[in-house]
PDB file of N, CA and C in Angstrom:
ATOM      1  N   MET A   1      -5.414   1.432  24.038  1.00  0.00           N
ATOM      2  CA  MET A   1      -4.823   2.058  23.243  1.00  0.00           C
ATOM      3  C   MET A   1      -5.871   3.612  23.426  1.00  0.00           C
ATOM      4  N   SER A   2      -5.282   4.501  23.512  1.00  0.00           N
ATOM      5  CA  SER A   2      -6.802   5.930  23.601  1.00  0.00           C
ATOM      6  C   SER A   2      -7.483   6.082  22.332  1.00  0.00           C
ATOM      7  N   ASN A   3      -8.883   6.830  22.814  1.00  0.00           N
ATOM      8  CA  ASN A   3      -9.359   6.497  21.545  1.00  0.00           C
ATOM      9  C   ASN A   3      -9.242   7.549  20.586  1.00  0.00           C
ATOM     10  N   GLN A   4      -8.495   8.800  20.834  1.00  0.00           N
ATOM     11  CA  GLN A   4      -8.156   9.376  19.707  1.00  0.00           C
ATOM     12  C   GLN A   4      -6.949   8.306  18.664  1.00  0.00           C
ATOM     13  N   ILE A   5      -6.200   7.341  19.319  1.00  0.00           N
ATOM     14  CA  ILE A   5      -5.655   7.021  17.934  1.00  0.00           C
ATOM     15  C   ILE A   5      -6.453   5.856  17.575  1.00  0.00           C
ATOM     16  N   THR A   6      -7.564   5.087  18.002  1.00  0.00           N
ATOM     17  CA  THR A   6      -8.292   4.194  17.774  1.00  0.00           C
ATOM     18  C   THR A   6      -8.987   4.669  16.590  1.00  0.00           C
ATOM     19  N   ASP A   7      -9.786   5.991  17.051  1.00  0.00           N
ATOM     20  CA  ASP A   7     -10.674   6.622  15.804  1.00  0.00           C
ATOM     21  C   ASP A   7      -9.631   6.886  14.501  1.00  0.00           C
ATOM     22  N   THR A   8      -8.227   7.296  14.735  1.00  0.00           N
ATOM     23  CA  THR A   8      -7.588   7.586  13.658  1.00  0.00           C
ATOM     24  C   THR A   8      -7.094   6.285  13.064  1.00  0.00           C
ATOM     25  N   LEU A   9      -7.244   5.196  13.307  1.00  0.00           N
ATOM     26  CA  LEU A   9      -6.712   3.970  12.342  1.00  0.00           C
ATOM     27  C   LEU A   9      -8.196   3.192  11.918  1.00  0.00           C
ATOM     28  N   ILE A  10      -9.163   3.723  12.440  1.00  0.00           N
ATOM     29  CA  ILE A  10     -10.465   3.259  11.548  1.00  0.00           C
ATOM     30  C   ILE A  10     -10.934   3.737  10.529  1.00  0.00           C
ATOM     31  N   GLN A  11     -11.269   3.009   9.257  1.00  0.00           N
ATOM     32  CA  GLN A  11     -11.140   3.015   8.073  1.00  0.00           C
ATOM     33  C   GLN A  11     -11.836   4.556   7.377  1.00  0.00           C
ATOM     34  N   ASN A  12     -12.628   4.869   8.052  1.00  0.00           N
ATOM     35  CA  ASN A  12     -13.883   6.018   7.883  1.00  0.00           C
ATOM     36  C   ASN A  12     -13.806   7.514   8.595  1.00  0.00           C
ATOM     37  N   CYS A  13     -12.347   7.202   9.287  1.00  0.00           N
ATOM     38  CA  CYS A  13     -12.036   8.500  10.073  1.00  0.00           C
ATOM     39  C   CYS A  13     -11.757   9.733   9.193  1.00  0.00           C
ATOM     40  N   PRO A  14     -12.515  10.911   9.761  1.00  0.00           N
ATOM     41  CA  PRO A  14     -12.027  11.925   8.937  1.00  0.00           C
ATOM     42  C   PRO A  14     -10.347  11.947   9.012  1.00  0.00           C
ATOM     43  N   VAL A  15      -9.682  12.207   9.891  1.00  0.00           N
ATOM     44  CA  VAL A  15      -8.539  12.556  10.132  1.00  0.00           C
ATOM     45  C   VAL A  15      -7.547  11.393   8.592  1.00  0.00           C
ATOM     46  N   ARG A  16      -8.088  10.142   8.613  1.00  0.00           N
ATOM     47  CA  ARG A  16      -7.260   9.290   8.042  1.00  0.00           C
ATOM     48  C   ARG A  16      -7.649   9.954   6.670  1.00  0.00           C
ATOM     49  N   ASN A  17      -9.007  10.318   6.173  1.00  0.00           N
ATOM     50  CA  ASN A  17      -9.095  10.713   4.925  1.00  0.00           C
ATOM     51  C   ASN A  17      -8.687  11.782   4.508  1.00  0.00           C
ATOM     52  N   ILE A  18      -8.447  12.843   5.278  1.00  0.00           N
ATOM     53  CA  ILE A  18      -7.627  13.929   4.759  1.00  0.00           C
ATOM     54  C   ILE A  18      -6.346  13.930   4.633  1.00  0.00           C
ATOM     55  N   LEU A  19      -5.321  12.770   5.692  1.00  0.00           N
ATOM     56  CA  LEU A  19      -4.471  12.724   5.273  1.00  0.00           C
ATOM     57  C   LEU A  19      -4.084  11.967   4.109  1.00  0.00           C
ATOM     58  N   ALA A  20      -4.940  11.195   3.750  1.00  0.00           N
ATOM     59  CA  ALA A  20      -4.631  10.056   2.169  1.00  0.00           C
ATOM     60  C   ALA A  20      -4.519  11.063   1.066  1.00  0.00           C
ATOM     61  N   HIS A  21      -5.704  12.263   1.448  1.00  0.00           N
ATOM     62  CA  HIS A  21      -5.607  13.111   0.196  1.00  0.00           C
ATOM     63  C   HIS A  21      -4.155  13.912   0.054  1.00  0.00           C
ATOM     64  N   ILE A  22      -4.263  14.944   1.116  1.00  0.00           N
ATOM     65  CA  ILE A  22      -3.136  15.813   1.489  1.00  0.00           C
ATOM     66  C   ILE A  22      -1.607  14.966   1.252  1.00  0.00           C
ATOM     67  N   CYS A  23      -1.660  14.015   1.308  1.00  0.00           N
ATOM     68  CA  CYS A  23      -0.046  13.205   1.404  1.00  0.00           C
ATOM     69  C   CYS A  23      -0.192  12.450   0.094  1.00  0.00           C
ATOM     70  N   GLY A  24      -1.083  12.453  -0.624  1.00  0.00           N
ATOM     71  CA  GLY A  24      -0.387  11.660  -1.627  1.00  0.00           C
ATOM     72  C   GLY A  24       0.508  12.248  -2.444  1.00  0.00           C
ATOM     73  N   LYS A  25       1.073  11.079  -3.666  1.00  0.00           N
ATOM     74  CA  LYS A  25       2.055  11.493  -4.218  1.00  0.00           C
ATOM     75  C   LYS A  25       2.704  12.865  -4.601  1.00  0.00           C
ATOM     76  N   TRP A  26       1.750  13.681  -5.375  1.00  0.00           N
ATOM     77  CA  TRP A  26       1.850  14.956  -5.979  1.00  0.00           C
ATOM     78  C   TRP A  26       1.508  16.351  -4.589  1.00  0.00           C
ATOM     79  N   SER A  27       0.394  15.792  -4.036  1.00  0.00           N
ATOM     80  CA  SER A  27      -0.454  17.165  -3.459  1.00  0.00           C
ATOM     81  C   SER A  27       0.618  17.962  -2.764  1.00  0.00           C
ATOM     82  N   LEU A  28       1.763  17.280  -1.752  1.00  0.00           N
ATOM     83  CA  LEU A  28       2.281  18.176  -1.104  1.00  0.00           C
ATOM     84  C   LEU A  28       3.599  18.984  -2.069  1.00  0.00           C
ATOM     85  N   LEU A  29       3.703  18.353  -2.962  1.00  0.00           N
ATOM     86  CA  LEU A  29       4.700  18.762  -3.761  1.00  0.00           C
ATOM     87  C   LEU A  29       4.033  20.239  -4.319  1.00  0.00           C
ATOM     88  N   VAL A  30       2.833  20.050  -5.012  1.00  0.00           N
ATOM     89  CA  VAL A  30       2.109  21.051  -5.499  1.00  0.00           C
ATOM     90  C   VAL A  30       1.542  22.083  -4.741  1.00  0.00           C
ATOM     91  N   ILE A  31       0.998  21.917  -3.839  1.00  0.00           N
ATOM     92  CA  ILE A  31       0.987  22.687  -2.513  1.00  0.00           C
ATOM     93  C   ILE A  31       2.329  23.725  -2.456  1.00  0.00           C
ATOM     94  N   TYR A  32       3.796  23.134  -2.196  1.00  0.00           N
ATOM     95  CA  TYR A  32       4.946  23.907  -1.740  1.00  0.00           C
ATOM     96  C   TYR A  32       5.346  24.501  -3.075  1.00  0.00           C
ATOM     97  N   VAL A  33       5.135  24.020  -4.292  1.00  0.00           N
ATOM     98  CA  VAL A  33       5.918  24.844  -5.574  1.00  0.00           C
ATOM     99  C   VAL A  33       4.889  25.935  -5.506  1.00  0.00           C
ATOM    100  N   MET A  34       3.268  26.115  -5.255  1.00  0.00           N
ATOM    101  CA  MET A  34       2.560  27.100  -5.545  1.00  0.00           C
ATOM    102  C   MET A  34       2.787  28.029  -4.290  1.00  0.00           C
ATOM    103  N   HIS A  35       2.779  27.836  -3.232  1.00  0.00           N
ATOM    104  CA  HIS A  35       3.662  28.602  -2.065  1.00  0.00           C
ATOM    105  C   HIS A  35       4.748  29.132  -2.876  1.00  0.00           C
ATOM    106  N   GLN A  36       5.944  28.549  -3.594  1.00  0.00           N
ATOM    107  CA  GLN A  36       7.229  29.336  -3.600  1.00  0.00           C
ATOM    108  C   GLN A  36       6.559  30.538  -4.939  1.00  0.00           C
ATOM    109  N   ASN A  37       5.737  30.350  -5.605  1.00  0.00           N
ATOM    110  CA  ASN A  37       5.238  31.228  -6.919  1.00  0.00           C
ATOM    111  C   ASN A  37       4.349  32.123  -6.831  1.00  0.00           C
ATOM    112  N   GLY A  38       3.665  31.761  -5.541  1.00  0.00           N
ATOM    113  CA  GLY A  38       2.505  32.767  -5.747  1.00  0.00           C
ATOM    114  C   GLY A  38       1.311  32.007  -6.691  1.00  0.00           C
ATOM    115  N   ASN A  39       0.657  33.079  -7.031  1.00  0.00           N
ATOM    116  CA  ASN A  39      -0.809  32.577  -8.120  1.00  0.00           C
ATOM    117  C   ASN A  39       0.305  32.072  -9.090  1.00  0.00           C
ATOM    118  N   ILE A  40      -0.058  31.216  -9.975  1.00  0.00           N
ATOM    119  CA  ILE A  40       0.291  30.383 -10.924  1.00  0.00           C
ATOM    120  C   ILE A  40      -0.118  29.761 -12.139  1.00  0.00           C
ATOM    121  N   ARG A  41      -0.076  29.597 -12.806  1.00  0.00           N
ATOM    122  CA  ARG A  41      -1.388  29.189 -14.258  1.00  0.00           C
ATOM    123  C   ARG A  41      -0.491  27.622 -14.477  1.00  0.00           C
ATOM    124  N   PHE A  42      -1.422  27.073 -15.280  1.00  0.00           N
ATOM    125  CA  PHE A  42      -1.122  25.289 -15.122  1.00  0.00           C
ATOM    126  C   PHE A  42      -0.228  25.088 -15.579  1.00  0.00           C
ATOM    127  N   ASN A  43       0.421  25.618 -17.021  1.00  0.00           N
ATOM    128  CA  ASN A  43       1.839  25.135 -17.533  1.00  0.00           C
ATOM    129  C   ASN A  43       3.108  25.258 -16.806  1.00  0.00           C
ATOM    130  N   THR A  44       2.978  26.561 -16.143  1.00  0.00           N
ATOM    131  CA  THR A  44       4.248  27.249 -15.575  1.00  0.00           C
ATOM    132  C   THR A  44       4.225  26.047 -14.457  1.00  0.00           C
ATOM    133  N   LEU A  45       3.311  25.593 -13.621  1.00  0.00           N
ATOM    134  CA  LEU A  45       2.864  25.017 -12.408  1.00  0.00           C
ATOM    135  C   LEU A  45       3.426  23.401 -13.156  1.00  0.00           C
ATOM    136  N   ASN A  46       2.955  23.288 -14.212  1.00  0.00           N
ATOM    137  CA  ASN A  46       3.357  21.701 -14.657  1.00  0.00           C
ATOM    138  C   ASN A  46       4.817  22.108 -15.182  1.00  0.00           C
ATOM    139  N   ARG A  47       5.241  23.172 -15.603  1.00  0.00           N
ATOM    140  CA  ARG A  47       6.981  22.871 -15.954  1.00  0.00           C
ATOM    141  C   ARG A  47       7.829  23.106 -14.616  1.00  0.00           C
ATOM    142  N   ALA A  48       7.315  23.446 -13.628  1.00  0.00           N
ATOM    143  CA  ALA A  48       7.910  23.502 -12.666  1.00  0.00           C
ATOM    144  C   ALA A  48       8.116  21.877 -11.783  1.00  0.00           C
ATOM    145  N   ILE A  49       7.293  20.910 -12.249  1.00  0.00           N
ATOM    146  CA  ILE A  49       6.977  19.587 -11.830  1.00  0.00           C
ATOM    147  C   ILE A  49       7.013  18.779 -13.317  1.00  0.00           C
ATOM    148  N   PRO A  50       8.146  18.559 -13.379  1.00  0.00           N
ATOM    149  CA  PRO A  50       8.597  18.297 -14.934  1.00  0.00           C
ATOM    150  C   PRO A  50       8.129  16.875 -15.122  1.00  0.00           C
ATOM    151  N   ASP A  51       7.899  16.149 -13.768  1.00  0.00           N
ATOM    152  CA  ASP A  51       7.816  14.460 -14.189  1.00  0.00           C
ATOM    153  C   ASP A  51       6.289  14.267 -13.948  1.00  0.00           C
ATOM    154  N   ILE A  52       5.652  15.358 -13.555  1.00  0.00           N
ATOM    155  CA  ILE A  52       4.183  15.013 -13.635  1.00  0.00           C
ATOM    156  C   ILE A  52       3.267  15.236 -14.863  1.00  0.00           C
ATOM    157  N   SER A  53       2.669  13.866 -14.962  1.00  0.00           N
ATOM    158  CA  SER A  53       1.743  14.308 -16.156  1.00  0.00           C
ATOM    159  C   SER A  53       0.732  15.405 -15.976  1.00  0.00           C
ATOM    160  N   GLN A  54       0.407  15.993 -17.585  1.00  0.00           N
ATOM    161  CA  GLN A  54      -0.710  16.957 -17.422  1.00  0.00           C
ATOM    162  C   GLN A  54      -1.902  16.368 -16.967  1.00  0.00           C
ATOM    163  N   LYS A  55      -2.539  15.085 -16.883  1.00  0.00           N
ATOM    164  CA  LYS A  55      -3.467  14.494 -16.334  1.00  0.00           C
ATOM    165  C   LYS A  55      -3.540  14.434 -14.907  1.00  0.00           C
ATOM    166  N   VAL A  56      -2.270  13.607 -14.405  1.00  0.00           N
ATOM    167  CA  VAL A  56      -2.265  13.836 -12.862  1.00  0.00           C
ATOM    168  C   VAL A  56      -2.173  15.106 -12.375  1.00  0.00           C
ATOM    169  N   LEU A  57      -1.789  16.256 -13.021  1.00  0.00           N
ATOM    170  CA  LEU A  57      -1.507  17.686 -12.519  1.00  0.00           C
ATOM    171  C   LEU A  57      -2.775  17.976 -12.384  1.00  0.00           C
ATOM    172  N   THR A  58      -4.030  17.725 -13.247  1.00  0.00           N
ATOM    173  CA  THR A  58      -5.483  18.322 -13.158  1.00  0.00           C
ATOM    174  C   THR A  58      -6.087  17.380 -12.113  1.00  0.00           C
ATOM    175  N   SER A  59      -5.888  16.376 -12.205  1.00  0.00           N
ATOM    176  CA  SER A  59      -6.213  15.295 -10.963  1.00  0.00           C
ATOM    177  C   SER A  59      -6.125  15.815  -9.544  1.00  0.00           C
ATOM    178  N   THR A  60      -4.914  16.428  -9.661  1.00  0.00           N
ATOM    179  CA  THR A  60      -4.163  16.691  -8.125  1.00  0.00           C
ATOM    180  C   THR A  60      -4.857  18.381  -7.741  1.00  0.00           C
ATOM    181  N   LEU A  61      -5.154  18.868  -9.092  1.00  0.00           N
ATOM    182  CA  LEU A  61      -5.031  20.545  -8.590  1.00  0.00           C
ATOM    183  C   LEU A  61      -6.833  20.539  -8.110  1.00  0.00           C
ATOM    184  N   ARG A  62      -7.777  19.411  -9.013  1.00  0.00           N
ATOM    185  CA  ARG A  62      -9.076  19.670  -8.702  1.00  0.00           C
ATOM    186  C   ARG A  62      -9.331  18.653  -7.413  1.00  0.00           C
ATOM    187  N   SER A  63      -8.507  17.923  -6.610  1.00  0.00           N
ATOM    188  CA  SER A  63      -8.866  17.230  -5.227  1.00  0.00           C
ATOM    189  C   SER A  63      -8.154  18.137  -4.375  1.00  0.00           C
ATOM    190  N   LEU A  64      -7.310  19.003  -4.465  1.00  0.00           N
ATOM    191  CA  LEU A  64      -6.786  19.955  -3.628  1.00  0.00           C
ATOM    192  C   LEU A  64      -7.628  21.339  -3.478  1.00  0.00           C
ATOM    193  N   GLU A  65      -8.460  21.381  -4.996  1.00  0.00           N
ATOM    194  CA  GLU A  65      -9.293  22.681  -5.101  1.00  0.00           C
ATOM    195  C   GLU A  65     -10.815  22.025  -3.812  1.00  0.00           C
ATOM    196  N   ALA A  66     -11.062  20.965  -3.926  1.00  0.00           N
ATOM    197  CA  ALA A  66     -12.264  20.521  -3.652  1.00  0.00           C
ATOM    198  C   ALA A  66     -12.183  20.102  -1.940  1.00  0.00           C
ATOM    199  N   ASP A  67     -11.052  20.240  -2.011  1.00  0.00           N
ATOM    200  CA  ASP A  67     -10.521  19.942  -0.179  1.00  0.00           C
ATOM    201  C   ASP A  67     -10.661  21.315   0.164  1.00  0.00           C
ATOM    202  N   GLY A  68     -11.058  22.546  -0.985  1.00  0.00           N
ATOM    203  CA  GLY A  68     -10.319  23.861   0.024  1.00  0.00           C
ATOM    204  C   GLY A  68      -8.963  24.306  -0.298  1.00  0.00           C
ATOM    205  N   PHE A  69      -8.033  23.730  -0.672  1.00  0.00           N
ATOM    206  CA  PHE A  69      -6.547  24.308  -0.562  1.00  0.00           C
ATOM    207  C   PHE A  69      -6.218  25.304  -1.710  1.00  0.00           C
ATOM    208  N   VAL A  70      -6.969  25.032  -2.949  1.00  0.00           N
ATOM    209  CA  VAL A  70      -6.320  25.814  -3.948  1.00  0.00           C
ATOM    210  C   VAL A  70      -7.968  26.386  -4.417  1.00  0.00           C
ATOM    211  N   THR A  71      -7.535  27.548  -4.768  1.00  0.00           N
ATOM    212  CA  THR A  71      -8.793  27.934  -6.110  1.00  0.00           C
ATOM    213  C   THR A  71      -8.287  28.163  -7.200  1.00  0.00           C
ATOM    214  N   ARG A  72      -9.466  28.328  -8.156  1.00  0.00           N
ATOM    215  CA  ARG A  72      -9.074  28.096  -9.630  1.00  0.00           C
ATOM    216  C   ARG A  72      -9.969  29.497 -10.199  1.00  0.00           C
ATOM    217  N   GLN A  73      -8.929  30.431 -10.629  1.00  0.00           N
ATOM    218  CA  GLN A  73      -9.491  31.488 -11.125  1.00  0.00           C
ATOM    219  C   GLN A  73      -9.695  31.625 -12.688  1.00  0.00           C
ATOM    220  N   VAL A  74     -10.976  31.530 -13.255  1.00  0.00           N
ATOM    221  CA  VAL A  74     -10.836  31.753 -14.750  1.00  0.00           C
ATOM    222  C   VAL A  74     -11.403  33.200 -15.257  1.00  0.00           C
ATOM    223  N   TYR A  75     -10.294  33.762 -15.925  1.00  0.00           N
ATOM    224  CA  TYR A  75     -10.538  35.334 -16.833  1.00  0.00           C
ATOM    225  C   TYR A  75     -11.217  34.965 -18.067  1.00  0.00           C
ATOM    226  N   ALA A  76     -11.866  35.654 -18.585  1.00  0.00           N
ATOM    227  CA  ALA A  76     -12.954  35.717 -19.802  1.00  0.00           C
ATOM    228  C   ALA A  76     -12.084  36.417 -20.651  1.00  0.00           C
ATOM    229  N   GLU A  77     -10.842  35.728 -21.381  1.00  0.00           N
ATOM    230  CA  GLU A  77      -9.762  36.183 -22.430  1.00  0.00           C
ATOM    231  C   GLU A  77      -9.787  34.808 -23.541  1.00  0.00           C
ATOM    232  N   VAL A  78      -9.415  35.176 -24.547  1.00  0.00           N
ATOM    233  CA  VAL A  78      -9.566  34.692 -25.685  1.00  0.00           C
ATOM    234  C   VAL A  78      -7.884  34.564 -25.529  1.00  0.00           C
ATOM    235  N   PRO A  79      -7.322  33.262 -25.478  1.00  0.00           N
ATOM    236  CA  PRO A  79      -8.197  31.899 -24.718  1.00  0.00           C
ATOM    237  C   PRO A  79      -8.010  32.034 -23.614  1.00  0.00           C
ATOM    238  N   PRO A  80      -8.598  31.559 -22.878  1.00  0.00           N
ATOM    239  CA  PRO A  80      -9.296  31.728 -21.478  1.00  0.00           C
ATOM    240  C   PRO A  80      -8.028  31.774 -20.643  1.00  0.00           C
ATOM    241  N   ARG A  81      -7.954  32.756 -19.599  1.00  0.00           N
ATOM    242  CA  ARG A  81      -6.832  32.306 -18.817  1.00  0.00           C
ATOM    243  C   ARG A  81      -7.157  31.953 -17.545  1.00  0.00           C
ATOM    244  N   VAL A  82      -6.158  30.594 -16.625  1.00  0.00           N
ATOM    245  CA  VAL A  82      -6.944  30.095 -15.407  1.00  0.00           C
ATOM    246  C   VAL A  82      -5.546  30.426 -14.464  1.00  0.00           C
ATOM    247  N   VAL A  83      -5.675  30.917 -13.646  1.00  0.00           N
ATOM    248  CA  VAL A  83      -4.854  31.102 -12.543  1.00  0.00           C
ATOM    249  C   VAL A  83      -5.252  30.330 -11.120  1.00  0.00           C
ATOM    250  N   TYR A  84      -4.177  29.569 -10.470  1.00  0.00           N
ATOM    251  CA  TYR A  84      -4.458  28.929  -9.291  1.00  0.00           C
ATOM    252  C   TYR A  84      -3.581  29.594  -8.564  1.00  0.00           C
ATOM    253  N   SER A  85      -4.304  29.590  -7.123  1.00  0.00           N
ATOM    254  CA  SER A  85      -3.451  30.214  -6.092  1.00  0.00           C
ATOM    255  C   SER A  85      -4.390  29.223  -4.672  1.00  0.00           C
ATOM    256  N   LEU A  86      -2.966  29.415  -3.841  1.00  0.00           N
ATOM    257  CA  LEU A  86      -3.375  28.675  -2.460  1.00  0.00           C
ATOM    258  C   LEU A  86      -4.652  29.458  -1.801  1.00  0.00           C
ATOM    259  N   THR A  87      -5.147  28.677  -1.034  1.00  0.00           N
ATOM    260  CA  THR A  87      -6.134  29.354  -0.007  1.00  0.00           C
ATOM    261  C   THR A  87      -5.518  29.625   1.439  1.00  0.00           C
ATOM    262  N   ASP A  88      -6.278  30.480   2.079  1.00  0.00           N
ATOM    263  CA  ASP A  88      -5.958  30.225   3.527  1.00  0.00           C
ATOM    264  C   ASP A  88      -5.600  29.224   4.225  1.00  0.00           C
ATOM    265  N   ARG A  89      -6.297  28.300   4.300  1.00  0.00           N
ATOM    266  CA  ARG A  89      -6.104  26.988   4.513  1.00  0.00           C
ATOM    267  C   ARG A  89      -4.812  26.467   4.277  1.00  0.00           C
ATOM    268  N   ALA A  90      -4.474  26.026   2.451  1.00  0.00           N
ATOM    269  CA  ALA A  90      -3.228  25.617   2.329  1.00  0.00           C
ATOM    270  C   ALA A  90      -2.035  26.272   3.191  1.00  0.00           C
ATOM    271  N   ARG A  91      -2.359  27.941   3.186  1.00  0.00           N
ATOM    272  CA  ARG A  91      -1.216  28.661   3.742  1.00  0.00           C
ATOM    273  C   ARG A  91      -1.070  28.249   4.990  1.00  0.00           C
ATOM    274  N   SER A  92      -2.009  28.299   5.691  1.00  0.00           N
ATOM    275  CA  SER A  92      -1.801  27.359   7.353  1.00  0.00           C
ATOM    276  C   SER A  92      -1.122  26.296   7.155  1.00  0.00           C
ATOM    277  N   PHE A  93      -1.381  25.640   6.298  1.00  0.00           N
ATOM    278  CA  PHE A  93      -0.642  24.301   6.053  1.00  0.00           C
ATOM    279  C   PHE A  93       1.199  23.946   5.991  1.00  0.00           C
ATOM    280  N   ILE A  94       1.294  25.317   5.228  1.00  0.00           N
ATOM    281  CA  ILE A  94       2.558  25.484   4.816  1.00  0.00           C
ATOM    282  C   ILE A  94       3.835  25.269   6.049  1.00  0.00           C
ATOM    283  N   PRO A  95       3.600  25.881   6.922  1.00  0.00           N
ATOM    284  CA  PRO A  95       4.607  25.218   8.294  1.00  0.00           C
ATOM    285  C   PRO A  95       4.995  23.759   8.540  1.00  0.00           C
ATOM    286  N   VAL A  96       3.688  22.859   7.949  1.00  0.00           N
ATOM    287  CA  VAL A  96       3.734  21.459   8.390  1.00  0.00           C
ATOM    288  C   VAL A  96       4.689  21.164   7.348  1.00  0.00           C
ATOM    289  N   VAL A  97       4.371  21.535   6.123  1.00  0.00           N
ATOM    290  CA  VAL A  97       4.947  21.299   4.960  1.00  0.00           C
ATOM    291  C   VAL A  97       6.487  21.496   4.942  1.00  0.00           C
ATOM    292  N   GLU A  98       7.113  22.517   5.784  1.00  0.00           N
ATOM    293  CA  GLU A  98       8.475  23.040   5.398  1.00  0.00           C
ATOM    294  C   GLU A  98       9.046  22.477   6.684  1.00  0.00           C
ATOM    295  N   ASN A  99       8.083  21.982   7.871  1.00  0.00           N
ATOM    296  CA  ASN A  99       9.127  20.670   8.876  1.00  0.00           C
ATOM    297  C   ASN A  99       8.986  19.729   8.498  1.00  0.00           C
ATOM    298  N   MET A 100       8.061  18.954   7.569  1.00  0.00           N
ATOM    299  CA  MET A 100       8.524  17.757   6.836  1.00  0.00           C
ATOM    300  C   MET A 100       9.637  18.020   6.018  1.00  0.00           C
ATOM    301  N   ILE A 101      10.283  18.746   5.308  1.00  0.00           N
ATOM    302  CA  ILE A 101      11.087  19.060   4.423  1.00  0.00           C
ATOM    303  C   ILE A 101      12.307  19.143   5.253  1.00  0.00           C
ATOM    304  N   ALA A 102      12.389  20.043   6.263  1.00  0.00           N
ATOM    305  CA  ALA A 102      13.171  19.974   7.219  1.00  0.00           C
ATOM    306  C   ALA A 102      14.124  18.620   7.500  1.00  0.00           C
ATOM    307  N   TRP A 103      12.718  17.867   7.928  1.00  0.00           N
ATOM    308  CA  TRP A 103      13.102  16.619   8.754  1.00  0.00           C
ATOM    309  C   TRP A 103      13.797  15.427   7.764  1.00  0.00           C
ATOM    310  N   ALA A 104      13.103  15.391   6.476  1.00  0.00           N
ATOM    311  CA  ALA A 104      13.678  14.781   5.432  1.00  0.00           C
ATOM    312  C   ALA A 104      15.046  14.786   5.211  1.00  0.00           C
ATOM    313  N   GLN A 105      15.378  16.624   4.867  1.00  0.00           N
ATOM    314  CA  GLN A 105      16.568  16.566   4.428  1.00  0.00           C
ATOM    315  C   GLN A 105      17.376  16.158   5.855  1.00  0.00           C
ATOM    316  N   SER A 106      17.492  16.349   6.836  1.00  0.00           N
ATOM    317  CA  SER A 106      18.118  16.206   7.729  1.00  0.00           C
ATOM    318  C   SER A 106      18.201  14.598   8.434  1.00  0.00           C
ATOM    319  N   ASN A 107      17.386  13.698   8.018  1.00  0.00           N
ATOM    320  CA  ASN A 107      17.297  12.300   7.696  1.00  0.00           C
ATOM    321  C   ASN A 107      17.529  11.383   6.418  1.00  0.00           C
ATOM    322  N   MET A 108      17.584  12.195   5.717  1.00  0.00           N
ATOM    323  CA  MET A 108      17.987  11.609   4.168  1.00  0.00           C
ATOM    324  C   MET A 108      19.263  11.215   4.172  1.00  0.00           C
ATOM    325  N   THR A 109      19.946  11.342   4.598  1.00  0.00           N
ATOM    326  CA  THR A 109      21.840  10.372   4.361  1.00  0.00           C
ATOM    327  C   THR A 109      21.288   9.331   5.168  1.00  0.00           C
ATOM    328  N   GLU A 110      21.135   9.164   6.810  1.00  0.00           N
ATOM    329  CA  GLU A 110      20.941   8.075   6.984  1.00  0.00           C
ATOM    330  C   GLU A 110      19.466   7.311   6.606  1.00  0.00           C
ATOM    331  N   ILE A 111      18.607   7.879   6.150  1.00  0.00           N
ATOM    332  CA  ILE A 111      17.346   7.121   5.185  1.00  0.00           C
ATOM    333  C   ILE A 111      18.182   6.218   4.304  1.00  0.00           C
ATOM    334  N   LEU A 112      18.619   6.743   3.425  1.00  0.00           N
ATOM    335  CA  LEU A 112      19.118   6.449   2.079  1.00  0.00           C
ATOM    336  C   LEU A 112      20.184   4.845   2.638  1.00  0.00           C
ATOM    337  N   LYS A 113      21.011   5.441   3.498  1.00  0.00           N
ATOM    338  CA  LYS A 113      22.245   4.298   3.601  1.00  0.00           C
ATOM    339  C   LYS A 113      21.343   3.206   4.924  1.00  0.00           C
ATOM    340  N   ASP A 114      20.306   2.957   5.320  1.00  0.00           N
ATOM    341  CA  ASP A 114      19.055   2.098   5.844  1.00  0.00           C
ATOM    342  C   ASP A 114      18.746   1.354   4.514  1.00  0.00           C
ATOM    343  N   ARG A 115      18.154   1.953   3.629  1.00  0.00           N
ATOM    344  CA  ARG A 115      17.476   1.256   2.226  1.00  0.00           C
ATOM    345  C   ARG A 115      18.833   0.868   1.374  1.00  0.00           C
ATOM    346  N   ASN A 116      19.856   1.125   1.573  1.00  0.00           N
ATOM    347  CA  ASN A 116      20.836   0.887   0.360  1.00  0.00           C
ATOM    348  C   ASN A 116      21.338  -0.612   1.369  1.00  0.00           C
ATOM    349  N   LYS A 117      21.309  -0.941   2.668  1.00  0.00           N
ATOM    350  CA  LYS A 117      21.770  -1.964   3.244  1.00  0.00           C
ATOM    351  C   LYS A 117      20.643  -3.064   3.056  1.00  0.00           C
ATOM    352  N   LYS A 118      19.689  -2.542   2.797  1.00  0.00           N
ATOM    353  CA  LYS A 118      18.516  -3.847   2.237  1.00  0.00           C
ATOM    354  C   LYS A 118      18.880  -4.489   0.532  1.00  0.00           C
ATOM    355  N   LEU A 119      19.625  -3.472   0.036  1.00  0.00           N
ATOM    356  CA  LEU A 119      20.032  -4.123  -0.896  1.00  0.00           C
ATOM    357  C   LEU A 119      20.686  -4.963  -1.539  1.00  0.00           C
TER     358      LEU A 119
END
C-alpha cells in the first residue's frame, strides 16, 4: 500500500478528519443551497432544507464556519440580522460538489435497482 493510502486510513489523518466534517449528513447540502442562493439568512436556509432541524442546521453552520467554509455576518439592528455566506474555500469546493451531484444523478437508477434486489 502506498504511503498516501496508508496515511488516509490512519485515524488521526487530517484528510480523513476534513472529509468526515465536510461529508457529514448535512454539510454538502448546506454548502450547495448556499451556493445557489448567495448570501442567506438562517430562516431562509432552514426553509430551503425543510427536513433539517434548527438545532442541526445551527450545528452544521458552526462546524462549516470553524472549518472556514462559511462566514457569519451579524448586523447591529433590532432584531439583529445574521447573514451567512460562502468563503473562497467553499466556492473552490463547489466544482467537487457539482461533480458528485452529476455522478449521483447518472448512477441513481442503477443504485436504486441494486438496493431493491437486497430487499
